[in-house]
Amino acid sequence: MRELSQIEKKTYNFIKDAGEIQTTNIPDKHMCGAVASLKNMGLVEVFKKYTSYYRKRKKKFVKINSKSLPHSI
């Protein structure tokens, strides 16, 4: 696996500290772009869930993939 770039490390640590965060609440647009590459590497998981019980719309969330935690981040 290739080495993570600086912004990918920053994004990974931000998501790890937040636990589970909505993709629209990620503060930097570069961090939003890094989510796709982290997902392709298998480090994060993007999923949809309901935010309230009376709305039918689902929102996208991102969290750290617990199956493949890297050792050196």
Protein backbone atom coordinates (compact mmCIF):
# COMPACT_ATOMS: atom_id res chain seq x y z
CA MET A 1 0.00 0.00 0.00
CA ARG A 2 1.27 3.48 -0.78
CA GLU A 3 2.16 6.11 1.79
CA LEU A 4 -0.59 8.56 2.76
CA SER A 5 -0.24 12.20 1.75
CA GLN A 6 -0.32 14.98 4.34
CA ILE A 7 -3.98 15.88 3.66
CA GLU A 8 -5.00 12.20 3.76
CA LYS A 9 -3.35 11.81 7.17
CA LYS A 10 -5.09 14.99 8.37
CA THR A 11 -8.45 13.72 7.11
CA TYR A 12 -7.95 10.25 8.61
CA ASN A 13 -7.07 11.70 12.03
CA PHE A 14 -10.03 14.13 11.86
CA ILE A 15 -12.46 11.29 11.15
CA LYS A 16 -10.84 9.11 13.82
CA ASP A 17 -11.25 11.88 16.43
CA ALA A 18 -14.85 12.58 15.38
CA GLY A 19 -15.83 8.91 15.32
CA GLU A 20 -18.68 9.20 12.86
CA ILE A 21 -19.25 12.41 10.90
CA GLN A 22 -21.58 13.56 8.17
CA THR A 23 -19.71 14.16 4.91
CA THR A 24 -21.10 17.68 4.55
CA ASN A 25 -19.66 18.60 7.97
CA ILE A 26 -16.04 17.96 6.96
CA PRO A 27 -14.53 21.45 7.16
CA ASP A 28 -12.03 21.61 4.28
CA LYS A 29 -12.79 20.90 0.61
CA HIS A 30 -9.41 19.17 0.25
CA MET A 31 -10.36 16.88 3.11
CA CYS A 32 -13.61 16.03 1.30
CA GLY A 33 -11.57 15.02 -1.74
CA ALA A 34 -9.29 12.86 0.39
CA VAL A 35 -12.26 10.85 1.68
CA ALA A 36 -12.62 9.16 -1.73
CA SER A 37 -8.99 8.04 -1.81
CA LEU A 38 -9.18 6.82 1.79
CA LYS A 39 -12.31 4.87 0.86
CA ASN A 40 -10.55 3.30 -2.13
CA MET A 41 -7.69 2.22 0.15
CA GLY A 42 -10.21 0.65 2.54
CA LEU A 43 -9.35 2.87 5.52
CA VAL A 44 -12.75 4.57 5.85
CA GLU A 45 -16.32 3.48 5.27
CA VAL A 46 -18.98 5.71 3.70
CA PHE A 47 -22.57 4.77 4.50
CA LYS A 48 -26.06 6.27 4.54
CA LYS A 49 -28.40 6.50 7.49
CA TYR A 50 -31.51 8.36 8.59
CA THR A 51 -30.87 11.51 10.64
CA SER A 52 -34.38 11.81 12.05
CA TYR A 53 -37.22 9.38 12.42
CA TYR A 54 -39.84 11.41 10.54
CA ARG A 55 -37.83 12.15 7.34
CA LYS A 56 -37.37 9.59 4.61
CA ARG A 57 -34.15 11.12 3.32
CA LYS A 58 -30.85 9.50 4.23
CA LYS A 59 -27.59 11.38 4.73
CA LYS A 60 -24.05 10.20 3.99
CA PHE A 61 -21.73 9.56 6.91
CA VAL A 62 -18.12 8.47 7.10
CA LYS A 63 -16.28 6.51 9.79
CA ILE A 64 -13.04 4.61 10.22
CA ASN A 65 -13.16 1.06 8.87
CA SER A 66 -12.51 -1.11 11.92
CA LYS A 67 -11.48 -4.13 9.84
CA SER A 68 -8.28 -2.60 8.48
CA LEU A 69 -6.73 -0.18 10.94
CA PRO A 70 -3.25 0.92 9.86
CA HIS A 71 -0.47 0.73 12.42
CA SER A 72 1.60 3.76 11.46
CA ILE A 73 -0.80 6.70 11.14
